[in-house]
């Protein structure tokens, strides 16, 4: 049963699998606090257009109360998400990195310009590491195997290692440039 959905739809369905109903705004907030570390967090308009698509296909239900509309994943939505996870290759990540692109053609500017760019990137990495560490700490207590946030905790740990390794690589590149 192929749904022919964009990956963003599956990402939003996945964010609805933690047992709560969310408004579009709350779903956007959850996406911003999680997806942004390893995927593109959709724009607010995209969240609502995907929720409309998912609702029209019976993959989420909308509940209206107190002037708010909340969304929950349906059994059909969970089945579509599971099918996507089980039957669709994950694919290989593509490094789309503005710092790498600039360093590739860094011979056009001074060493100092390249080093400054890399040092600025280390600061940005430190900020991301701190933000992701806060997310990881918030998962503690519900991150053991079988608990609701076990898999998000694994992804947070992966992200922390990834950003930490990138930081080490950038510091090595700075050393090599200097």
C-alpha atoms as a PDB file:
ATOM      1  CA  UNK A   1       0.000   0.000   0.000  1.00  0.00           C
ATOM      2  CA  UNK A   2       2.045   2.911  -1.276  1.00  0.00           C
ATOM      3  CA  UNK A   3       0.964   6.327  -0.085  1.00  0.00           C
ATOM      4  CA  UNK A   4       3.334   8.269  -2.347  1.00  0.00           C
ATOM      5  CA  UNK A   5       4.004  10.771   0.413  1.00  0.00           C
ATOM      6  CA  UNK A   6       6.952  13.118   0.726  1.00  0.00           C
ATOM      7  CA  UNK A   7       9.450  12.323   3.455  1.00  0.00           C
ATOM      8  CA  UNK A   8       8.168  15.354   5.396  1.00  0.00           C
ATOM      9  CA  UNK A   9       4.789  13.635   5.734  1.00  0.00           C
ATOM     10  CA  UNK A  10       6.434  10.562   7.215  1.00  0.00           C
ATOM     11  CA  UNK A  11       8.528  12.743   9.533  1.00  0.00           C
ATOM     12  CA  UNK A  12       5.378  14.473  10.822  1.00  0.00           C
ATOM     13  CA  UNK A  13       3.573  11.148  11.201  1.00  0.00           C
ATOM     14  CA  UNK A  14       6.549   9.931  13.199  1.00  0.00           C
ATOM     15  CA  UNK A  15       6.373  12.962  15.482  1.00  0.00           C
ATOM     16  CA  UNK A  16       2.753  12.038  16.209  1.00  0.00           C
ATOM     17  CA  UNK A  17       3.623   8.526  17.425  1.00  0.00           C
ATOM     18  CA  UNK A  18       4.513   9.483  20.978  1.00  0.00           C
ATOM     19  CA  UNK A  19       0.986   9.129  22.321  1.00  0.00           C
ATOM     20  CA  UNK A  20      -0.217  12.713  22.323  1.00  0.00           C
ATOM     21  CA  UNK A  21      -2.413  14.868  20.127  1.00  0.00           C
ATOM     22  CA  UNK A  22      -0.829  18.069  18.887  1.00  0.00           C
ATOM     23  CA  UNK A  23      -1.993  21.235  17.222  1.00  0.00           C
ATOM     24  CA  UNK A  24      -0.222  22.205  14.015  1.00  0.00           C
ATOM     25  CA  UNK A  25       1.700  24.793  16.001  1.00  0.00           C
ATOM     26  CA  UNK A  26       2.753  22.228  18.618  1.00  0.00           C
ATOM     27  CA  UNK A  27       3.788  19.820  15.860  1.00  0.00           C
ATOM     28  CA  UNK A  28       5.916  22.591  14.333  1.00  0.00           C
ATOM     29  CA  UNK A  29       7.501  23.220  17.757  1.00  0.00           C
ATOM     30  CA  UNK A  30       8.271  19.505  18.130  1.00  0.00           C
ATOM     31  CA  UNK A  31       9.785  19.463  14.632  1.00  0.00           C
ATOM     32  CA  UNK A  32      11.893  22.520  15.432  1.00  0.00           C
ATOM     33  CA  UNK A  33      13.193  20.979  18.645  1.00  0.00           C
ATOM     34  CA  UNK A  34      14.002  17.597  17.122  1.00  0.00           C
ATOM     35  CA  UNK A  35      14.218  17.453  13.334  1.00  0.00           C
ATOM     36  CA  UNK A  36      16.426  20.517  13.011  1.00  0.00           C
ATOM     37  CA  UNK A  37      19.437  18.589  14.266  1.00  0.00           C
ATOM     38  CA  UNK A  38      19.371  16.011  11.463  1.00  0.00           C
ATOM     39  CA  UNK A  39      16.662  16.880   8.940  1.00  0.00           C
ATOM     40  CA  UNK A  40      14.987  20.013   7.649  1.00  0.00           C
ATOM     41  CA  UNK A  41      12.315  21.308   9.974  1.00  0.00           C
ATOM     42  CA  UNK A  42       9.305  22.163   7.801  1.00  0.00           C
ATOM     43  CA  UNK A  43       7.861  25.654   7.612  1.00  0.00           C
ATOM     44  CA  UNK A  44       4.590  26.287   9.446  1.00  0.00           C
ATOM     45  CA  UNK A  45       2.712  26.441   6.134  1.00  0.00           C
ATOM     46  CA  UNK A  46       4.208  23.081   5.138  1.00  0.00           C
ATOM     47  CA  UNK A  47       3.138  21.512   8.445  1.00  0.00           C
ATOM     48  CA  UNK A  48      -0.455  22.552   7.799  1.00  0.00           C
ATOM     49  CA  UNK A  49      -0.429  21.484   4.147  1.00  0.00           C
ATOM     50  CA  UNK A  50       0.985  18.078   5.127  1.00  0.00           C
ATOM     51  CA  UNK A  51      -1.600  17.715   7.902  1.00  0.00           C
ATOM     52  CA  UNK A  52      -4.316  18.439   5.324  1.00  0.00           C
ATOM     53  CA  UNK A  53      -2.831  15.801   2.995  1.00  0.00           C
ATOM     54  CA  UNK A  54      -2.492  13.262   5.813  1.00  0.00           C
ATOM     55  CA  UNK A  55      -6.020  13.941   7.028  1.00  0.00           C
ATOM     56  CA  UNK A  56      -7.498  13.570   3.537  1.00  0.00           C
ATOM     57  CA  UNK A  57      -5.835  10.153   3.274  1.00  0.00           C
ATOM     58  CA  UNK A  58      -7.083   9.046   6.685  1.00  0.00           C
ATOM     59  CA  UNK A  59      -3.592   8.912   8.184  1.00  0.00           C
ATOM     60  CA  UNK A  60      -4.332  11.481  10.893  1.00  0.00           C
ATOM     61  CA  UNK A  61      -7.539  12.591  12.519  1.00  0.00           C
ATOM     62  CA  UNK A  62      -8.389  16.143  13.460  1.00  0.00           C
ATOM     63  CA  UNK A  63     -10.213  16.879  16.712  1.00  0.00           C
ATOM     64  CA  UNK A  64     -11.658  20.320  17.382  1.00  0.00           C
ATOM     65  CA  UNK A  65     -12.250  21.537  20.917  1.00  0.00           C
ATOM     66  CA  UNK A  66     -12.043  24.918  22.602  1.00  0.00           C
ATOM     67  CA  UNK A  67     -11.185  26.632  19.320  1.00  0.00           C
ATOM     68  CA  UNK A  68      -8.150  24.395  18.797  1.00  0.00           C
ATOM     69  CA  UNK A  69      -7.611  21.622  16.307  1.00  0.00           C
ATOM     70  CA  UNK A  70      -5.393  18.776  17.426  1.00  0.00           C
ATOM     71  CA  UNK A  71      -4.132  15.934  15.298  1.00  0.00           C
ATOM     72  CA  UNK A  72      -3.467  12.294  16.108  1.00  0.00           C
ATOM     73  CA  UNK A  73      -2.059   9.498  14.007  1.00  0.00           C
ATOM     74  CA  UNK A  74      -4.608   6.865  12.975  1.00  0.00           C
ATOM     75  CA  UNK A  75      -4.076   3.125  12.750  1.00  0.00           C
ATOM     76  CA  UNK A  76      -3.835   3.590   8.971  1.00  0.00           C
ATOM     77  CA  UNK A  77      -1.212   6.295   9.517  1.00  0.00           C
ATOM     78  CA  UNK A  78       0.798   4.057  11.797  1.00  0.00           C
ATOM     79  CA  UNK A  79       0.527   1.235   9.217  1.00  0.00           C
ATOM     80  CA  UNK A  80       1.664   3.540   6.380  1.00  0.00           C
ATOM     81  CA  UNK A  81       4.568   4.780   8.494  1.00  0.00           C
ATOM     82  CA  UNK A  82       5.571   1.229   9.441  1.00  0.00           C
ATOM     83  CA  UNK A  83       5.376   0.112   5.800  1.00  0.00           C
ATOM     84  CA  UNK A  84       7.561   3.055   4.780  1.00  0.00           C
ATOM     85  CA  UNK A  85      10.104   2.154   7.486  1.00  0.00           C
ATOM     86  CA  UNK A  86      10.145  -1.543   6.597  1.00  0.00           C
ATOM     87  CA  UNK A  87       9.964  -1.408   2.802  1.00  0.00           C
ATOM     88  CA  UNK A  88      11.655   1.792   1.678  1.00  0.00           C
ATOM     89  CA  UNK A  89      15.436   2.053   1.589  1.00  0.00           C
ATOM     90  CA  UNK A  90      16.695   4.793   3.886  1.00  0.00           C
ATOM     91  CA  UNK A  91      19.029   6.078   1.205  1.00  0.00           C
ATOM     92  CA  UNK A  92      22.433   7.571   1.696  1.00  0.00           C
ATOM     93  CA  UNK A  93      22.916  10.984   3.218  1.00  0.00           C
ATOM     94  CA  UNK A  94      24.303  13.742   1.057  1.00  0.00           C
ATOM     95  CA  UNK A  95      26.726  16.206   2.570  1.00  0.00           C
ATOM     96  CA  UNK A  96      25.287  19.585   1.648  1.00  0.00           C
ATOM     97  CA  UNK A  97      27.594  21.724   3.712  1.00  0.00           C
ATOM     98  CA  UNK A  98      28.119  25.442   3.055  1.00  0.00           C
ATOM     99  CA  UNK A  99      31.392  25.459   4.997  1.00  0.00           C
ATOM    100  CA  UNK A 100      32.784  22.555   2.939  1.00  0.00           C
ATOM    101  CA  UNK A 101      31.729  24.300  -0.273  1.00  0.00           C
ATOM    102  CA  UNK A 102      33.479  27.513   0.764  1.00  0.00           C
ATOM    103  CA  UNK A 103      36.607  25.650   1.853  1.00  0.00           C
ATOM    104  CA  UNK A 104      36.661  23.833  -1.497  1.00  0.00           C
ATOM    105  CA  UNK A 105      37.156  27.178  -3.230  1.00  0.00           C
ATOM    106  CA  UNK A 106      39.002  28.774  -0.339  1.00  0.00           C
ATOM    107  CA  UNK A 107      42.097  29.245  -2.458  1.00  0.00           C
ATOM    108  CA  UNK A 108      40.470  32.456  -3.733  1.00  0.00           C
ATOM    109  CA  UNK A 109      40.697  34.138  -0.320  1.00  0.00           C
ATOM    110  CA  UNK A 110      43.315  34.446   2.376  1.00  0.00           C
ATOM    111  CA  UNK A 111      44.192  31.763   4.899  1.00  0.00           C
ATOM    112  CA  UNK A 112      42.917  34.162   7.568  1.00  0.00           C
ATOM    113  CA  UNK A 113      39.506  34.344   5.892  1.00  0.00           C
ATOM    114  CA  UNK A 114      39.290  30.553   5.763  1.00  0.00           C
ATOM    115  CA  UNK A 115      40.419  30.179   9.359  1.00  0.00           C
ATOM    116  CA  UNK A 116      37.890  32.779  10.530  1.00  0.00           C
ATOM    117  CA  UNK A 117      35.112  30.928   8.706  1.00  0.00           C
ATOM    118  CA  UNK A 118      36.168  27.655  10.322  1.00  0.00           C
ATOM    119  CA  UNK A 119      36.461  29.236  13.775  1.00  0.00           C
ATOM    120  CA  UNK A 120      32.972  30.718  13.346  1.00  0.00           C
ATOM    121  CA  UNK A 121      31.766  27.238  12.439  1.00  0.00           C
ATOM    122  CA  UNK A 122      33.289  25.821  15.623  1.00  0.00           C
ATOM    123  CA  UNK A 123      31.279  28.396  17.592  1.00  0.00           C
ATOM    124  CA  UNK A 124      28.125  27.342  15.713  1.00  0.00           C
ATOM    125  CA  UNK A 125      28.911  23.683  16.423  1.00  0.00           C
ATOM    126  CA  UNK A 126      29.365  24.478  20.108  1.00  0.00           C
ATOM    127  CA  UNK A 127      25.932  26.141  20.102  1.00  0.00           C
ATOM    128  CA  UNK A 128      24.356  23.120  18.379  1.00  0.00           C
ATOM    129  CA  UNK A 129      26.079  20.734  20.779  1.00  0.00           C
ATOM    130  CA  UNK A 130      24.752  22.676  23.761  1.00  0.00           C
ATOM    131  CA  UNK A 131      21.215  22.784  22.344  1.00  0.00           C
ATOM    132  CA  UNK A 132      21.227  19.083  21.486  1.00  0.00           C
ATOM    133  CA  UNK A 133      22.658  18.239  24.908  1.00  0.00           C
ATOM    134  CA  UNK A 134      19.637  20.003  26.446  1.00  0.00           C
ATOM    135  CA  UNK A 135      17.330  17.899  24.283  1.00  0.00           C
ATOM    136  CA  UNK A 136      19.200  14.752  25.295  1.00  0.00           C
ATOM    137  CA  UNK A 137      18.967  15.628  28.979  1.00  0.00           C
ATOM    138  CA  UNK A 138      15.219  16.198  28.624  1.00  0.00           C
ATOM    139  CA  UNK A 139      14.864  12.603  27.394  1.00  0.00           C
ATOM    140  CA  UNK A 140      16.531  11.097  30.469  1.00  0.00           C
ATOM    141  CA  UNK A 141      14.177   8.975  32.523  1.00  0.00           C
ATOM    142  CA  UNK A 142      12.165   7.884  29.478  1.00  0.00           C
ATOM    143  CA  UNK A 143      15.063   6.652  27.345  1.00  0.00           C
ATOM    144  CA  UNK A 144      15.578   3.069  28.458  1.00  0.00           C
ATOM    145  CA  UNK A 145      14.869   0.245  25.999  1.00  0.00           C
ATOM    146  CA  UNK A 146      11.118  -0.131  25.563  1.00  0.00           C
ATOM    147  CA  UNK A 147      10.356   3.378  26.789  1.00  0.00           C
ATOM    148  CA  UNK A 148       8.786   6.086  24.626  1.00  0.00           C
ATOM    149  CA  UNK A 149      11.925   8.124  24.047  1.00  0.00           C
ATOM    150  CA  UNK A 150      14.507   5.353  23.689  1.00  0.00           C
ATOM    151  CA  UNK A 151      14.900   5.844  19.935  1.00  0.00           C
ATOM    152  CA  UNK A 152      14.908   9.662  20.053  1.00  0.00           C
ATOM    153  CA  UNK A 153      17.640   9.365  22.712  1.00  0.00           C
ATOM    154  CA  UNK A 154      19.674   7.152  20.365  1.00  0.00           C
ATOM    155  CA  UNK A 155      19.353   9.788  17.630  1.00  0.00           C
ATOM    156  CA  UNK A 156      20.344  12.536  20.084  1.00  0.00           C
ATOM    157  CA  UNK A 157      23.428  10.531  21.077  1.00  0.00           C
ATOM    158  CA  UNK A 158      24.247  10.040  17.385  1.00  0.00           C
ATOM    159  CA  UNK A 159      23.856  13.779  16.787  1.00  0.00           C
ATOM    160  CA  UNK A 160      26.100  14.631  19.717  1.00  0.00           C
ATOM    161  CA  UNK A 161      28.784  12.292  18.395  1.00  0.00           C
ATOM    162  CA  UNK A 162      28.360  13.660  14.856  1.00  0.00           C
ATOM    163  CA  UNK A 163      28.690  17.307  15.881  1.00  0.00           C
ATOM    164  CA  UNK A 164      31.554  16.446  18.231  1.00  0.00           C
ATOM    165  CA  UNK A 165      33.400  14.633  15.441  1.00  0.00           C
ATOM    166  CA  UNK A 166      32.759  17.514  13.042  1.00  0.00           C
ATOM    167  CA  UNK A 167      34.134  19.926  15.648  1.00  0.00           C
ATOM    168  CA  UNK A 168      37.293  17.827  15.954  1.00  0.00           C
ATOM    169  CA  UNK A 169      37.631  17.712  12.153  1.00  0.00           C
ATOM    170  CA  UNK A 170      37.242  21.485  11.835  1.00  0.00           C
ATOM    171  CA  UNK A 171      39.865  22.092  14.535  1.00  0.00           C
ATOM    172  CA  UNK A 172      42.216  19.793  12.606  1.00  0.00           C
ATOM    173  CA  UNK A 173      41.519  21.711   9.388  1.00  0.00           C
ATOM    174  CA  UNK A 174      42.309  24.986  11.172  1.00  0.00           C
ATOM    175  CA  UNK A 175      45.580  23.516  12.404  1.00  0.00           C
ATOM    176  CA  UNK A 176      46.446  22.363   8.882  1.00  0.00           C
ATOM    177  CA  UNK A 177      45.629  25.744   7.372  1.00  0.00           C
ATOM    178  CA  UNK A 178      47.675  27.653   9.924  1.00  0.00           C
END
